[in-house]
C-alpha cells in the first residue's frame, strides 16, 4: 500500500490531497500538509460559491484533527482569501473544516458525539481541548446539522413548557412534538414574546394546521395559543391540575396546624398535624401501615382536613375514571366534583374551583383527547440531567445545542462509522 493512501485515510477527506507529513518532536504533534482538490479551491468560506482569488491571506494555517497513536494531529494548508459578491473578501473555504473554525469536521463530530454520551469535562479531557471550546463546537455542529432539516414541518400535536436552566430566574421555552416525541424548538427566555417567536418561525399557515396543544395553566401560553393557533385544541396537563389540588390540601394542612397551635392551644395536636404531610400527599395505594393509621387519626380528630384530603383524591380519581369508564363519565365526575368543592367551605378548595372553571374546557380536552404534558416534563428532566452532566453552561446557546442534539431526533454519530 502506498504511503499517500495511508495519509488519505488518516486525513479522511476525499477533497483533500495530502502533500507531506512531519513530526514535531518539541511539541509532540504530527502535522500533515494538505491542499484542496482543484474543484474545491477558490470558494467563499461562507456560501461556498466559486470566487476570484484576492490574495494569499495570512499564509499557512492549522486545523486540529483527530489524534493518531495518542499524538495530536494537525492539518496544515494555505489560507488564501477570495472576493465573494455577497460576502466581500473572506478566507477561502476548505473541505475539511467549517468556516472560521480551528477544528476539522471529524473533530467536531467526535466532540458532539462524546458530549451527548458523557460529561462535558470528560469530553474536554479526552479530546484535549478547553472546557469552553466544547460549547462552541456544539453550537456550530448543531447549526450545520439543522441546516437541511425543517423540524417544524408536519406539526399537528405539540406540547409547550418552560424550564429553568440557571439560578437567577433564567428560563428557556421548549416545544415538543407529541407524534415524533422530539424537541422541535427551544429559545432562551419565556413569556408571550418568546412564544410568538415560535409561531413566527412556524408561519401562519402551519400554525392553523395545529390540532392539539398541551400545556400547563400559564396564562401567557393560553393567550398566545388563542391568538396564533385558533384551530388548535388546548389541553390542560392533568399533572398540574392534581398539583393544584395538592397545593390546596397543603394550604389547608397549614391552616389546621395553626388552628390547633393558636386557637385550640393544643401543642400535641399541632405537632401531629404538622407531620402529616406525607400521609396526605401520597396516593392511597402507596401508603404504609403507619401512614394509613395517620389518615385514620386525621379523620377522627380533624374532619375538615380529612375532607380536603378526600377532595384532592376525588379530583385525581376523575382521571382514573377517564381511563376505565371513558371521557363522558369523567366529564360528569368533574362536574360533580366542582359542585362538591364549591360547597366544601374550605377557602383553598373554593378558590381552586374558580381556577378549574377558568380552565374547564382545556381540562376536558385533556380528558377526551387523552393528552398530557408528560412527554415535555420528561424532556425537562432530561434537560436538567444534561445541564448537570455538563457541570453547568455559561450560555443558553450551548444548552440548546446539546439538548437539540440529544433530544431532537438527529443524534450525532462517530466520524467515519456506519450506523448499525
Protein backbone atom coordinates (compact mmCIF):
# COMPACT_ATOMS: atom_id res chain seq x y z
CA UNK A 1 0.00 0.00 0.00
CA UNK A 2 1.33 3.42 -0.93
CA UNK A 3 2.12 5.86 1.87
CA UNK A 4 -0.08 8.53 0.26
CA UNK A 5 -3.04 6.14 0.55
CA UNK A 6 -2.39 5.84 4.28
CA UNK A 7 -2.24 9.62 4.58
CA UNK A 8 -5.53 9.99 2.69
CA UNK A 9 -7.19 7.58 5.11
CA UNK A 10 -5.69 9.47 8.03
CA UNK A 11 -6.98 12.82 6.77
CA UNK A 12 -10.38 11.31 5.94
CA UNK A 13 -11.46 13.91 3.36
CA UNK A 14 -11.86 13.00 -0.30
CA UNK A 15 -11.48 16.63 -1.38
CA UNK A 16 -8.09 16.99 0.36
CA UNK A 17 -4.77 15.96 -1.17
CA UNK A 18 -2.01 15.15 1.36
CA UNK A 19 1.36 16.58 0.36
CA UNK A 20 3.70 15.93 3.26
CA UNK A 21 3.83 14.74 6.86
CA UNK A 22 6.24 15.63 9.63
CA UNK A 23 6.66 15.02 13.35
CA UNK A 24 7.49 17.97 15.58
CA UNK A 25 9.38 16.40 18.46
CA UNK A 26 9.39 19.51 20.64
CA UNK A 27 5.61 19.86 20.77
CA UNK A 28 4.92 16.13 20.19
CA UNK A 29 2.46 16.71 17.35
CA UNK A 30 2.00 15.28 13.86
CA UNK A 31 1.45 17.78 11.06
CA UNK A 32 0.01 16.69 7.71
CA UNK A 33 0.35 19.26 4.92
CA UNK A 34 -2.69 19.17 2.64
CA UNK A 35 -4.28 21.15 -0.16
CA UNK A 36 -7.84 21.17 -1.53
CA UNK A 37 -8.53 19.49 -4.86
CA UNK A 38 -8.92 21.84 -7.77
CA UNK A 39 -12.75 21.73 -7.74
CA UNK A 40 -12.78 22.69 -4.05
CA UNK A 41 -10.46 25.70 -4.38
CA UNK A 42 -11.30 29.40 -4.52
CA UNK A 43 -14.69 29.09 -2.91
CA UNK A 44 -16.26 31.52 -0.45
CA UNK A 45 -15.90 30.25 3.11
CA UNK A 46 -19.49 31.20 3.92
CA UNK A 47 -21.62 30.37 0.85
CA UNK A 48 -19.16 28.02 -0.95
CA UNK A 49 -19.59 29.93 -4.23
CA UNK A 50 -16.59 29.86 -6.59
CA UNK A 51 -14.92 33.28 -6.48
CA UNK A 52 -11.81 35.01 -7.85
CA UNK A 53 -8.70 34.96 -5.71
CA UNK A 54 -7.96 38.15 -3.72
CA UNK A 55 -4.58 37.48 -2.06
CA UNK A 56 -2.56 34.87 -0.17
CA UNK A 57 -4.16 35.78 3.16
CA UNK A 58 -2.21 35.17 6.37
CA UNK A 59 -0.20 32.27 4.94
CA UNK A 60 -0.18 28.75 6.34
CA UNK A 61 -2.86 27.74 8.83
CA UNK A 62 -3.51 24.69 11.03
CA UNK A 63 -6.67 22.80 11.97
CA UNK A 64 -6.87 20.40 14.89
CA UNK A 65 -7.70 16.86 13.70
CA UNK A 66 -8.40 13.56 15.47
CA UNK A 67 -5.47 12.16 17.44
CA UNK A 68 -3.29 9.48 15.89
CA UNK A 69 -1.43 6.93 18.05
CA UNK A 70 -2.02 9.09 21.11
CA UNK A 71 -0.46 12.16 19.48
CA UNK A 72 -2.19 15.35 18.47
CA UNK A 73 -2.65 15.62 14.72
CA UNK A 74 -2.97 18.85 12.75
CA UNK A 75 -3.81 19.55 9.13
CA UNK A 76 -1.84 22.40 7.62
CA UNK A 77 -2.63 24.29 4.41
CA UNK A 78 -2.53 27.69 2.78
CA UNK A 79 -5.37 30.05 3.68
CA UNK A 80 -5.83 32.43 0.72
CA UNK A 81 -8.64 34.96 0.55
CA UNK A 82 -11.25 35.30 -2.19
CA UNK A 83 -13.65 38.04 -3.25
CA UNK A 84 -17.30 36.99 -2.90
CA UNK A 85 -20.08 39.07 -4.47
CA UNK A 86 -22.28 38.50 -1.41
CA UNK A 87 -19.79 38.45 1.48
CA UNK A 88 -16.87 40.51 0.23
CA UNK A 89 -13.29 39.48 0.99
CA UNK A 90 -13.29 36.27 3.03
CA UNK A 91 -10.94 33.38 3.69
CA UNK A 92 -11.40 30.63 1.11
CA UNK A 93 -13.30 27.55 2.17
CA UNK A 94 -11.51 24.29 2.92
CA UNK A 95 -13.31 20.96 2.50
CA UNK A 96 -12.13 19.51 5.82
CA UNK A 97 -13.34 22.25 8.21
CA UNK A 98 -16.09 24.79 8.76
CA UNK A 99 -15.52 28.46 8.07
CA UNK A 100 -13.79 30.35 10.88
CA UNK A 101 -13.22 27.15 12.89
CA UNK A 102 -9.93 25.82 14.20
CA UNK A 103 -11.02 22.18 14.19
CA UNK A 104 -11.77 19.73 11.40
CA UNK A 105 -15.22 18.35 10.66
CA UNK A 106 -14.26 14.95 12.06
CA UNK A 107 -13.01 16.54 15.27
CA UNK A 108 -16.25 18.49 15.71
CA UNK A 109 -18.34 15.39 15.05
CA UNK A 110 -16.48 13.29 17.60
CA UNK A 111 -16.76 16.04 20.22
CA UNK A 112 -20.51 16.31 19.54
CA UNK A 113 -20.95 12.55 19.93
CA UNK A 114 -18.95 12.45 23.16
CA UNK A 115 -20.88 15.42 24.59
CA UNK A 116 -24.18 13.56 24.09
CA UNK A 117 -22.83 10.41 25.73
CA UNK A 118 -20.71 11.63 28.67
CA UNK A 119 -19.90 14.71 30.71
CA UNK A 120 -18.53 17.88 29.24
CA UNK A 121 -15.43 17.70 31.45
CA UNK A 122 -14.67 14.13 30.34
CA UNK A 123 -15.09 15.18 26.71
CA UNK A 124 -12.69 18.10 27.17
CA UNK A 125 -10.10 15.86 28.82
CA UNK A 126 -10.36 13.07 26.26
CA UNK A 127 -10.20 15.41 23.27
CA UNK A 128 -7.54 17.60 24.91
CA UNK A 129 -9.37 20.84 24.36
CA UNK A 130 -10.64 23.67 26.54
CA UNK A 131 -13.87 23.21 28.53
CA UNK A 132 -15.44 26.30 26.96
CA UNK A 133 -14.48 25.15 23.47
CA UNK A 134 -16.91 22.23 23.77
CA UNK A 135 -19.86 24.65 23.88
CA UNK A 136 -18.66 26.49 20.76
CA UNK A 137 -18.21 23.22 18.86
CA UNK A 138 -21.68 22.04 19.87
CA UNK A 139 -23.29 25.28 18.71
CA UNK A 140 -21.73 25.23 15.23
CA UNK A 141 -22.24 21.47 14.79
CA UNK A 142 -25.90 21.79 15.72
CA UNK A 143 -26.38 24.71 13.31
CA UNK A 144 -24.96 22.64 10.46
CA UNK A 145 -26.98 19.57 11.47
CA UNK A 146 -30.19 21.64 11.34
CA UNK A 147 -29.29 23.39 8.08
CA UNK A 148 -31.04 20.81 5.87
CA UNK A 149 -33.83 19.87 8.30
CA UNK A 150 -37.19 21.55 8.82
CA UNK A 151 -38.08 20.49 12.34
CA UNK A 152 -41.35 22.42 12.20
CA UNK A 153 -42.72 20.53 9.20
CA UNK A 154 -45.86 18.41 9.63
CA UNK A 155 -46.54 19.53 13.22
CA UNK A 156 -50.03 18.66 14.43
CA UNK A 157 -49.86 17.98 18.18
CA UNK A 158 -47.32 19.86 20.29
CA UNK A 159 -46.51 20.48 23.94
CA UNK A 160 -45.27 23.81 25.32
CA UNK A 161 -43.49 24.43 28.60
CA UNK A 162 -40.72 26.42 30.26
CA UNK A 163 -37.66 25.19 32.14
CA UNK A 164 -35.19 26.91 34.46
CA UNK A 165 -31.61 26.26 33.35
CA UNK A 166 -29.67 28.54 35.70
CA UNK A 167 -30.09 30.30 39.03
CA UNK A 168 -31.48 33.80 38.97
CA UNK A 169 -34.75 33.15 37.11
CA UNK A 170 -33.07 32.06 33.87
CA UNK A 171 -35.65 30.21 31.75
CA UNK A 172 -35.96 28.57 28.35
CA UNK A 173 -39.11 27.86 26.34
CA UNK A 174 -39.43 24.30 24.98
CA UNK A 175 -41.74 22.93 22.28
CA UNK A 176 -42.09 19.16 21.77
CA UNK A 177 -43.83 17.21 19.01
CA UNK A 178 -46.16 14.61 20.56
CA UNK A 179 -46.13 12.45 17.44
CA UNK A 180 -42.35 12.17 16.86
CA UNK A 181 -41.58 12.68 20.59
CA UNK A 182 -38.72 15.03 19.65
CA UNK A 183 -37.84 18.53 20.75
CA UNK A 184 -38.56 20.76 17.75
CA UNK A 185 -37.84 24.27 19.09
CA UNK A 186 -36.12 25.95 22.03
CA UNK A 187 -35.17 29.51 22.89
CA UNK A 188 -33.81 31.47 25.82
CA UNK A 189 -36.40 33.25 27.96
CA UNK A 190 -40.13 32.72 28.42
CA UNK A 191 -43.32 34.68 28.05
CA UNK A 192 -45.62 35.84 25.28
CA UNK A 193 -42.91 37.43 23.13
CA UNK A 194 -40.77 34.30 23.15
CA UNK A 195 -43.70 32.02 22.30
CA UNK A 196 -44.71 34.34 19.49
CA UNK A 197 -41.21 33.80 18.06
CA UNK A 198 -42.04 30.11 17.72
CA UNK A 199 -45.28 30.83 15.88
CA UNK A 200 -43.45 33.35 13.68
CA UNK A 201 -40.97 30.61 12.74
CA UNK A 202 -43.83 28.16 12.19
CA UNK A 203 -45.76 30.56 9.96
CA UNK A 204 -49.44 31.40 9.86
CA UNK A 205 -50.43 28.58 7.51
CA UNK A 206 -48.76 25.85 9.55
CA UNK A 207 -49.98 27.40 12.81
CA UNK A 208 -53.54 27.00 11.63
CA UNK A 209 -52.88 23.31 10.93
CA UNK A 210 -52.11 22.59 14.59
CA UNK A 211 -54.84 20.43 16.10
CA UNK A 212 -53.76 19.90 19.74
CA UNK A 213 -51.55 21.86 22.12
CA UNK A 214 -50.79 20.62 25.62
CA UNK A 215 -49.53 22.99 28.31
CA UNK A 216 -49.85 23.90 31.96
CA UNK A 217 -52.13 26.64 33.23
CA UNK A 218 -49.82 29.55 32.38
CA UNK A 219 -51.86 32.47 31.08
CA UNK A 220 -49.13 33.58 28.67
CA UNK A 221 -49.34 30.23 26.86
CA UNK A 222 -53.14 30.24 26.74
CA UNK A 223 -53.28 33.80 25.39
CA UNK A 224 -50.72 33.26 22.62
CA UNK A 225 -52.24 29.89 21.61
CA UNK A 226 -55.70 31.51 21.29
CA UNK A 227 -54.17 34.32 19.26
CA UNK A 228 -51.89 32.39 16.89
CA UNK A 229 -53.38 28.86 16.69
CA UNK A 230 -57.17 29.34 16.74
CA UNK A 231 -57.89 25.89 15.29
CA UNK A 232 -55.91 24.01 17.94
CA UNK A 233 -57.48 22.41 21.00
CA UNK A 234 -55.60 23.39 24.17
CA UNK A 235 -55.29 20.56 26.68
CA UNK A 236 -54.57 21.33 30.32
CA UNK A 237 -51.99 18.91 31.66
CA UNK A 238 -53.54 16.56 34.30
CA UNK A 239 -50.36 16.62 36.40
CA UNK A 240 -50.69 20.35 37.03
CA UNK A 241 -54.41 20.09 37.83
CA UNK A 242 -53.74 17.48 40.52
CA UNK A 243 -50.77 19.56 41.71
CA UNK A 244 -53.16 22.48 42.25
CA UNK A 245 -55.30 20.25 44.46
CA UNK A 246 -52.22 19.07 46.36
CA UNK A 247 -51.20 22.69 46.98
CA UNK A 248 -54.70 23.49 48.22
CA UNK A 249 -54.56 20.47 50.54
CA UNK A 250 -51.19 21.59 51.91
CA UNK A 251 -52.57 25.08 52.50
CA UNK A 252 -55.43 23.59 54.50
CA UNK A 253 -52.97 21.40 56.46
CA UNK A 254 -51.04 24.51 57.48
CA UNK A 255 -54.30 26.20 58.45
CA UNK A 256 -55.26 23.19 60.57
CA UNK A 257 -51.85 23.27 62.25
CA UNK A 258 -52.24 26.98 63.03
CA UNK A 259 -55.76 26.44 64.41
CA UNK A 260 -54.51 23.70 66.71
CA UNK A 261 -51.48 25.75 67.77
CA UNK A 262 -53.16 29.12 68.32
CA UNK A 263 -56.89 28.66 68.78
CA UNK A 264 -57.05 25.26 70.50
CA UNK A 265 -53.69 25.72 72.26
CA UNK A 266 -53.03 22.00 71.80
CA UNK A 267 -49.31 21.58 71.01
CA UNK A 268 -49.55 17.78 70.74
CA UNK A 269 -52.36 18.00 68.14
CA UNK A 270 -50.46 20.70 66.26
CA UNK A 271 -47.31 18.58 66.16
CA UNK A 272 -49.15 15.58 64.77
CA UNK A 273 -50.87 17.69 62.11
CA UNK A 274 -47.57 19.29 61.14
CA UNK A 275 -46.01 15.89 60.46
CA UNK A 276 -48.95 14.52 58.45
CA UNK A 277 -47.79 15.94 55.12
CA UNK A 278 -46.51 12.70 53.55
CA UNK A 279 -49.61 10.73 54.54
CA UNK A 280 -51.83 13.38 52.94
CA UNK A 281 -49.76 13.76 49.79
CA UNK A 282 -49.20 10.12 48.88
CA UNK A 283 -51.58 8.09 46.75
CA UNK A 284 -53.78 5.74 48.83
CA UNK A 285 -52.34 2.64 47.16
CA UNK A 286 -48.82 3.69 48.17
CA UNK A 287 -49.49 4.39 51.85
CA UNK A 288 -47.63 2.46 54.51
CA UNK A 289 -49.47 1.00 57.51
CA UNK A 290 -48.24 3.87 59.68
CA UNK A 291 -49.45 6.45 57.17
CA UNK A 292 -52.85 4.75 56.91
CA UNK A 293 -53.12 5.00 60.69
CA UNK A 294 -52.21 8.68 60.47
CA UNK A 295 -55.05 9.27 57.96
CA UNK A 296 -57.50 7.47 60.23
CA UNK A 297 -56.37 9.67 63.11
CA UNK A 298 -56.88 12.81 60.98
CA UNK A 299 -60.41 11.66 60.04
CA UNK A 300 -61.26 11.30 63.72
CA UNK A 301 -59.62 14.50 65.01
CA UNK A 302 -59.87 17.00 62.11
CA UNK A 303 -62.79 16.20 59.75
CA UNK A 304 -62.20 19.40 57.77
CA UNK A 305 -58.63 18.46 56.88
CA UNK A 306 -59.78 14.93 56.04
CA UNK A 307 -62.45 16.41 53.77
CA UNK A 308 -59.71 18.37 51.97
CA UNK A 309 -57.80 15.11 51.51
CA UNK A 310 -60.88 13.45 50.01
CA UNK A 311 -61.33 16.39 47.64
CA UNK A 312 -57.77 16.01 46.41
CA UNK A 313 -58.22 12.28 45.89
CA UNK A 314 -61.59 12.85 44.23
CA UNK A 315 -60.00 15.10 41.62
CA UNK A 316 -57.28 12.55 40.97
CA UNK A 317 -59.92 9.81 40.62
CA UNK A 318 -61.53 11.69 37.72
CA UNK A 319 -58.55 10.87 35.51
CA UNK A 320 -58.72 7.22 36.55
CA UNK A 321 -62.39 7.20 35.56
CA UNK A 322 -61.42 8.63 32.16
CA UNK A 323 -59.12 5.64 31.57
CA UNK A 324 -61.55 2.98 32.76
CA UNK A 325 -65.06 4.28 32.00
CA UNK A 326 -64.49 6.83 29.25
CA UNK A 327 -64.44 10.58 28.75
CA UNK A 328 -68.20 11.09 29.22
CA UNK A 329 -68.19 9.54 32.67
CA UNK A 330 -65.11 11.56 33.62
CA UNK A 331 -66.75 14.81 32.48
CA UNK A 332 -69.79 14.06 34.64
CA UNK A 333 -67.50 13.23 37.58
CA UNK A 334 -65.70 16.55 37.12
CA UNK A 335 -69.00 18.47 37.28
CA UNK A 336 -69.98 16.61 40.47
CA UNK A 337 -66.56 17.33 41.98
CA UNK A 338 -66.88 21.06 41.20
CA UNK A 339 -70.27 21.14 42.88
CA UNK A 340 -68.87 19.37 45.95
CA UNK A 341 -65.76 21.58 46.16
CA UNK A 342 -67.80 24.78 45.77
CA UNK A 343 -69.86 23.84 48.87
CA UNK A 344 -66.99 22.42 50.97
CA UNK A 345 -66.41 25.65 52.97
CA UNK A 346 -62.63 25.25 52.64
CA UNK A 347 -61.26 28.52 51.18
CA UNK A 348 -58.32 26.91 49.36
CA UNK A 349 -60.60 24.49 47.50
CA UNK A 350 -63.24 27.12 46.80
CA UNK A 351 -60.51 29.17 45.11
CA UNK A 352 -59.34 26.01 43.29
CA UNK A 353 -62.89 25.60 41.97
CA UNK A 354 -62.72 29.04 40.38
CA UNK A 355 -59.35 28.25 38.80
CA UNK A 356 -60.59 24.95 37.38
CA UNK A 357 -63.67 26.64 35.94
CA UNK A 358 -61.42 29.14 34.15
CA UNK A 359 -59.60 26.23 32.52
CA UNK A 360 -62.63 23.93 32.30
CA UNK A 361 -62.56 23.43 28.53
CA UNK A 362 -58.80 22.77 28.47
CA UNK A 363 -59.14 20.20 31.28
CA UNK A 364 -61.97 18.43 29.45
CA UNK A 365 -59.94 18.39 26.24
CA UNK A 366 -57.09 16.66 28.07
CA UNK A 367 -59.55 14.05 29.34
CA UNK A 368 -61.26 13.50 25.99
CA UNK A 369 -58.09 13.50 23.87
CA UNK A 370 -56.01 11.64 26.48
CA UNK A 371 -53.28 14.23 26.04
CA UNK A 372 -50.87 15.28 28.79
CA UNK A 373 -47.63 17.15 29.19
CA UNK A 374 -45.85 14.05 30.46
CA UNK A 375 -43.61 13.95 27.38
CA UNK A 376 -42.40 17.53 27.81
CA UNK A 377 -41.94 17.07 31.58
CA UNK A 378 -39.76 14.08 30.73
CA UNK A 379 -37.87 16.31 28.28
CA UNK A 380 -37.34 18.89 31.03
CA UNK A 381 -35.98 16.20 33.34
CA UNK A 382 -33.53 15.05 30.67
CA UNK A 383 -32.54 18.67 30.00
CA UNK A 384 -31.71 19.17 33.68
CA UNK A 385 -29.66 15.97 33.58
CA UNK A 386 -27.79 17.27 30.52
CA UNK A 387 -27.05 20.54 32.32
CA UNK A 388 -25.91 18.73 35.46
CA UNK A 389 -23.80 16.28 33.46
CA UNK A 390 -22.06 19.20 31.79
CA UNK A 391 -21.36 20.78 35.21
CA UNK A 392 -23.27 23.87 34.12
CA UNK A 393 -23.30 26.00 30.99
CA UNK A 394 -22.47 29.68 30.78
CA UNK A 395 -24.74 30.33 27.82
CA UNK A 396 -28.20 29.18 26.80
CA UNK A 397 -26.95 28.56 23.25
CA UNK A 398 -24.71 25.70 24.42
CA UNK A 399 -27.57 24.16 26.41
CA UNK A 400 -29.97 24.44 23.48
CA UNK A 401 -27.43 22.97 21.06
CA UNK A 402 -26.77 19.94 23.27
CA UNK A 403 -30.46 19.38 24.03
CA UNK A 404 -31.33 19.53 20.33
CA UNK A 405 -28.53 17.07 19.54
CA UNK A 406 -29.67 14.66 22.29
CA UNK A 407 -33.46 15.01 22.04
CA UNK A 408 -34.09 16.47 18.59
CA UNK A 409 -34.03 13.14 16.75
CA UNK A 410 -30.73 13.81 14.99
CA UNK A 411 -28.10 12.48 17.37
CA UNK A 412 -24.52 12.66 16.09
CA UNK A 413 -22.56 9.53 15.21
CA UNK A 414 -18.88 8.86 15.43
CA UNK A 415 -16.97 10.12 12.38
CA UNK A 416 -16.46 7.69 9.51
CA UNK A 417 -18.57 4.95 11.09
CA UNK A 418 -21.74 3.43 9.70
CA UNK A 419 -24.83 3.12 11.86
CA UNK A 420 -25.55 -0.46 12.91
